[in-house]
Amino acid sequence: MTAISDTWALTIRDLLRLWRQPWFIAIVLVQPVIWLLLFGALFQKVVEIPGFEGGDYKQYLVPGVLVMTAFFSSGWNGMTTIEDLDRGVTDRLLVTPVRRLPLIAGRVGQNLVQVLLQSVVIVALALAIGVSFEGGVLGVAVLLLIAGLLGTAFAALSNALALVARKEESLIGAVTFLQLPLVFLSTAFMQPSLLPDWIGTVSDFNPVDWAIVAGREAVGASTDWASVAGYCGLLVGFAVVCLALATKAFGAYQKQV
């Protein structure tokens, strides 16, 4: 129970810090709205490409934008860790009885709340512009779960990178290097049949695409729940690996100081 209570306390600490930044909260909530409207308008003509199945691009786009939003916002979670490193907060926490996992899990918990809020905003906007979720409430709930799993994995990875790099510039470079390639090496904006063969092959090993494919399947008609469960299992495994890496990264950090 100590680990759970420590995680809860650290999650609340980070949520309170986030609450004291109203402009950041506003940007976090408005950003997915801009992405959905912008990409929806920019790629609307994609449906006219021979081989594109389905007539409404917004219907296809929403799960991809939701997952992309979770991925992008989670990638910057490690910036708070760097701030704590610079202020000496992390060093003080490391000499307390708190275990290493809650130090990461608390930060990831704050990110999870942020991802869920962003996802709810996207779902509400999608409904407002006429997108239907044929998978119903259950499908939407699973889509939110999938976004949370992906967000958990990349928030943990971001914190691992922060503990190793210890510099904002290094973390920015690493996150930027990962984000755009992983999004464009997925089916976020284009159906698999229209992708180059090599991108289709790479996307099979891309956690971002696992989340997009599973989320799109969950909210679609005649959902293949076995496929969704398989992808969720992959995302859980990926999240566990990233959490383990982030926890181990404390050892790497302590060796450097």
Protein backbone atom coordinates (compact mmCIF):
# COMPACT_ATOMS: atom_id res chain seq x y z
CA MET A 1 0.00 0.00 0.00
CA THR A 2 2.96 2.32 0.56
CA ALA A 3 3.83 2.33 -3.15
CA ILE A 4 0.22 3.11 -4.05
CA SER A 5 -0.04 5.95 -1.55
CA ASP A 6 3.33 7.35 -2.67
CA THR A 7 2.22 7.23 -6.31
CA TRP A 8 -1.06 8.97 -5.45
CA ALA A 9 0.71 11.71 -3.49
CA LEU A 10 3.20 12.37 -6.29
CA THR A 11 0.41 12.37 -8.90
CA ILE A 12 -1.53 14.98 -6.91
CA ARG A 13 1.67 17.03 -6.56
CA ASP A 14 2.16 17.15 -10.32
CA LEU A 15 -1.53 17.82 -10.98
CA LEU A 16 -1.43 20.79 -8.60
CA ARG A 17 1.65 22.11 -10.37
CA LEU A 18 -0.20 21.75 -13.69
CA TRP A 19 -3.25 23.53 -12.25
CA ARG A 20 -1.10 26.54 -11.39
CA GLN A 21 -0.33 26.97 -15.12
CA PRO A 22 -3.71 27.97 -16.62
CA TRP A 23 -2.23 28.99 -19.98
CA PHE A 24 -0.61 25.60 -20.36
CA ILE A 25 -3.91 23.88 -19.53
CA ALA A 26 -5.67 26.02 -22.15
CA ILE A 27 -3.07 25.14 -24.81
CA VAL A 28 -3.22 21.45 -23.90
CA LEU A 29 -6.99 21.41 -24.40
CA VAL A 30 -7.12 23.65 -27.48
CA GLN A 31 -4.26 21.96 -29.35
CA PRO A 32 -6.16 18.75 -30.22
CA VAL A 33 -9.08 20.84 -31.47
CA ILE A 34 -6.76 22.66 -33.88
CA TRP A 35 -5.20 19.40 -35.05
CA LEU A 36 -8.55 17.76 -35.72
CA LEU A 37 -9.95 20.71 -37.63
CA LEU A 38 -6.69 21.45 -39.46
CA PHE A 39 -5.88 17.92 -40.57
CA GLY A 40 -9.52 17.24 -41.34
CA ALA A 41 -9.59 20.18 -43.74
CA LEU A 42 -6.09 19.62 -45.13
CA PHE A 43 -6.57 15.96 -46.06
CA GLN A 44 -10.31 15.97 -46.86
CA LYS A 45 -9.65 15.28 -50.57
CA VAL A 46 -7.84 12.05 -49.68
CA VAL A 47 -11.17 10.23 -49.96
CA GLU A 48 -11.08 10.88 -53.72
CA ILE A 49 -7.90 8.81 -54.14
CA PRO A 50 -8.72 5.49 -55.86
CA GLY A 51 -8.53 2.72 -53.29
CA PHE A 52 -9.59 4.78 -50.28
CA GLU A 53 -12.41 2.92 -48.57
CA GLY A 54 -15.16 4.98 -46.94
CA GLY A 55 -16.46 8.40 -47.87
CA ASP A 56 -15.90 10.47 -44.72
CA TYR A 57 -12.30 11.30 -43.96
CA LYS A 58 -13.13 12.80 -40.55
CA GLN A 59 -14.51 9.42 -39.52
CA TYR A 60 -11.17 7.84 -40.42
CA LEU A 61 -9.08 10.64 -38.95
CA VAL A 62 -10.48 11.01 -35.42
CA PRO A 63 -8.86 7.92 -33.81
CA GLY A 64 -5.54 8.84 -35.40
CA VAL A 65 -5.65 12.43 -34.13
CA LEU A 66 -6.69 11.26 -30.66
CA VAL A 67 -3.79 8.81 -30.44
CA MET A 68 -1.37 11.33 -31.97
CA THR A 69 -2.40 13.90 -29.35
CA ALA A 70 -1.77 11.44 -26.53
CA PHE A 71 1.60 10.55 -28.04
CA PHE A 72 2.74 14.13 -28.58
CA SER A 73 1.72 15.47 -25.16
CA SER A 74 3.20 12.45 -23.34
CA GLY A 75 6.55 12.89 -25.05
CA TRP A 76 7.13 16.13 -23.15
CA ASN A 77 6.36 14.67 -19.72
CA GLY A 78 10.07 14.41 -18.95
CA MET A 79 10.47 18.20 -19.01
CA THR A 80 9.05 18.32 -15.48
CA THR A 81 11.65 15.79 -14.40
CA ILE A 82 14.42 17.99 -15.77
CA GLU A 83 12.95 20.94 -13.86
CA ASP A 84 13.02 18.86 -10.67
CA LEU A 85 16.61 17.83 -11.41
CA ASP A 86 17.66 21.45 -11.81
CA ARG A 87 15.95 22.47 -8.56
CA GLY A 88 17.38 19.55 -6.58
CA VAL A 89 13.94 18.07 -5.90
CA THR A 90 14.83 14.70 -7.43
CA ASP A 91 17.97 14.39 -5.30
CA ARG A 92 15.94 15.02 -2.15
CA LEU A 93 13.33 12.43 -3.17
CA LEU A 94 16.01 9.83 -3.87
CA VAL A 95 17.23 9.94 -0.26
CA THR A 96 13.71 9.35 1.11
CA PRO A 97 12.15 5.89 1.63
CA VAL A 98 10.04 6.38 -1.52
CA ARG A 99 10.65 3.61 -4.03
CA ARG A 100 11.79 4.43 -7.55
CA LEU A 101 8.65 3.21 -9.35
CA PRO A 102 6.26 5.67 -7.63
CA LEU A 103 8.58 8.53 -8.63
CA ILE A 104 7.87 7.62 -12.25
CA ALA A 105 4.32 6.39 -11.78
CA GLY A 106 3.25 9.65 -10.11
CA ARG A 107 4.47 11.67 -13.07
CA VAL A 108 2.88 9.23 -15.50
CA GLY A 109 -0.36 9.44 -13.51
CA GLN A 110 -0.50 13.20 -13.99
CA ASN A 111 0.09 12.70 -17.70
CA LEU A 112 -2.69 10.10 -17.85
CA VAL A 113 -5.20 12.61 -16.47
CA GLN A 114 -4.03 15.14 -19.07
CA VAL A 115 -4.34 12.60 -21.91
CA LEU A 116 -7.85 11.61 -20.87
CA LEU A 117 -8.97 15.25 -20.75
CA GLN A 118 -7.56 15.87 -24.22
CA SER A 119 -9.19 12.70 -25.52
CA VAL A 120 -12.60 13.67 -24.14
CA VAL A 121 -12.29 17.06 -25.86
CA ILE A 122 -11.53 15.35 -29.19
CA VAL A 123 -14.45 12.94 -28.83
CA ALA A 124 -16.82 15.80 -27.99
CA LEU A 125 -15.61 17.84 -30.96
CA ALA A 126 -15.87 14.83 -33.27
CA LEU A 127 -19.49 14.34 -32.26
CA ALA A 128 -20.13 18.06 -32.81
CA ILE A 129 -18.84 17.94 -36.40
CA GLY A 130 -20.90 14.89 -37.26
CA VAL A 131 -18.55 11.96 -36.64
CA SER A 132 -20.30 8.84 -35.38
CA PHE A 133 -18.76 6.19 -33.17
CA GLU A 134 -20.44 2.99 -34.30
CA GLY A 135 -18.70 1.03 -31.57
CA GLY A 136 -20.83 2.89 -29.04
CA VAL A 137 -19.88 3.91 -25.52
CA LEU A 138 -17.81 0.75 -25.04
CA GLY A 139 -15.82 1.46 -28.18
CA VAL A 140 -15.10 5.04 -27.10
CA ALA A 141 -14.08 3.84 -23.62
CA VAL A 142 -11.65 1.35 -25.16
CA LEU A 143 -10.27 4.09 -27.44
CA LEU A 144 -9.59 6.23 -24.35
CA LEU A 145 -7.94 3.26 -22.66
CA ILE A 146 -5.71 2.73 -25.69
CA ALA A 147 -4.69 6.40 -25.69
CA GLY A 148 -3.90 6.10 -22.00
CA LEU A 149 -1.73 3.03 -22.53
CA LEU A 150 0.26 4.69 -25.29
CA GLY A 151 0.55 7.88 -23.24
CA THR A 152 1.79 5.91 -20.24
CA ALA A 153 4.49 4.22 -22.30
CA PHE A 154 5.86 7.38 -23.90
CA ALA A 155 5.58 9.47 -20.73
CA ALA A 156 7.71 6.85 -18.97
CA LEU A 157 10.16 6.79 -21.89
CA SER A 158 10.33 10.60 -21.83
CA ASN A 159 11.24 10.52 -18.15
CA ALA A 160 13.87 7.87 -18.78
CA LEU A 161 15.44 10.09 -21.44
CA ALA A 162 15.26 13.08 -19.08
CA LEU A 163 17.11 11.23 -16.32
CA VAL A 164 19.84 10.14 -18.73
CA ALA A 165 20.19 13.37 -20.73
CA ARG A 166 19.50 15.83 -17.84
CA LYS A 167 19.27 18.74 -20.29
CA GLU A 168 16.18 20.29 -21.85
CA GLU A 169 17.88 20.67 -25.24
CA SER A 170 18.81 16.99 -25.34
CA LEU A 171 15.31 15.88 -24.40
CA ILE A 172 13.73 18.21 -26.98
CA GLY A 173 16.03 16.80 -29.67
CA ALA A 174 15.30 13.19 -28.73
CA VAL A 175 11.53 13.64 -28.50
CA THR A 176 11.35 15.56 -31.77
CA PHE A 177 13.46 12.87 -33.45
CA LEU A 178 10.91 10.21 -32.38
CA GLN A 179 7.56 11.94 -32.76
CA LEU A 180 7.13 12.93 -36.38
CA PRO A 181 8.67 9.76 -37.90
CA LEU A 182 6.53 7.49 -35.71
CA VAL A 183 3.35 9.36 -36.64
CA PHE A 184 4.05 9.39 -40.37
CA LEU A 185 5.19 5.76 -40.28
CA SER A 186 1.66 4.82 -39.26
CA THR A 187 -1.88 4.76 -40.62
CA ALA A 188 -2.85 7.97 -38.82
CA PHE A 189 -3.60 9.86 -42.05
CA MET A 190 -3.68 7.20 -44.76
CA GLN A 191 -5.21 3.76 -45.10
CA PRO A 192 -2.77 0.81 -45.17
CA SER A 193 -3.60 -0.08 -48.77
CA LEU A 194 -2.38 3.35 -49.94
CA LEU A 195 0.91 3.30 -48.04
CA PRO A 196 4.23 2.37 -49.66
CA ASP A 197 5.06 -1.26 -48.91
CA TRP A 198 8.06 -0.40 -46.74
CA ILE A 199 6.04 1.99 -44.56
CA GLY A 200 3.37 -0.67 -44.16
CA THR A 201 6.05 -3.11 -42.98
CA VAL A 202 7.55 -0.61 -40.51
CA SER A 203 4.11 0.31 -39.15
CA ASP A 204 3.61 -3.29 -38.04
CA PHE A 205 6.33 -2.70 -35.43
CA ASN A 206 5.26 0.85 -34.53
CA PRO A 207 3.51 1.22 -31.12
CA VAL A 208 1.79 4.38 -32.36
CA ASP A 209 0.22 2.42 -35.19
CA TRP A 210 -0.79 -0.38 -32.81
CA ALA A 211 -2.80 2.19 -30.86
CA ILE A 212 -4.30 3.78 -33.98
CA VAL A 213 -5.36 0.47 -35.53
CA ALA A 214 -6.82 -0.81 -32.24
CA GLY A 215 -8.62 2.46 -31.55
CA ARG A 216 -10.07 2.66 -35.04
CA GLU A 217 -11.26 -0.94 -34.77
CA ALA A 218 -12.81 -0.33 -31.34
CA VAL A 219 -15.02 2.54 -32.48
CA GLY A 220 -15.92 0.98 -35.83
CA ALA A 221 -18.85 -1.25 -36.76
CA SER A 222 -18.52 -5.02 -36.28
CA THR A 223 -15.53 -4.68 -33.99
CA ASP A 224 -12.99 -7.50 -33.97
CA TRP A 225 -12.42 -7.54 -30.21
CA ALA A 226 -9.78 -10.27 -30.47
CA SER A 227 -7.67 -7.97 -32.63
CA VAL A 228 -8.24 -5.04 -30.26
CA ALA A 229 -7.24 -7.20 -27.29
CA GLY A 230 -4.08 -8.31 -29.09
CA TYR A 231 -2.98 -4.76 -29.77
CA CYS A 232 -3.84 -3.73 -26.21
CA GLY A 233 -1.65 -6.57 -24.98
CA LEU A 234 1.24 -5.25 -27.07
CA LEU A 235 0.70 -1.75 -25.68
CA VAL A 236 0.60 -3.04 -22.11
CA GLY A 237 3.87 -4.89 -22.69
CA PHE A 238 5.44 -1.79 -24.25
CA ALA A 239 4.27 0.36 -21.32
CA VAL A 240 5.74 -2.10 -18.80
CA VAL A 241 9.09 -2.07 -20.61
CA CYS A 242 9.15 1.75 -20.69
CA LEU A 243 8.25 1.97 -16.99
CA ALA A 244 11.06 -0.47 -16.19
CA LEU A 245 13.51 1.57 -18.27
CA ALA A 246 12.47 4.77 -16.51
CA THR A 247 12.90 3.16 -13.10
CA LYS A 248 16.34 1.83 -14.06
CA ALA A 249 17.29 5.27 -15.37
CA PHE A 250 17.51 6.54 -11.78
CA GLY A 251 20.57 4.33 -11.38
CA ALA A 252 22.15 5.83 -14.50
CA TYR A 253 21.39 9.32 -13.19
CA GLN A 254 22.94 8.62 -9.77
CA LYS A 255 26.13 7.34 -11.39
CA GLN A 256 26.51 10.64 -13.24
CA VAL A 257 26.21 12.89 -10.17
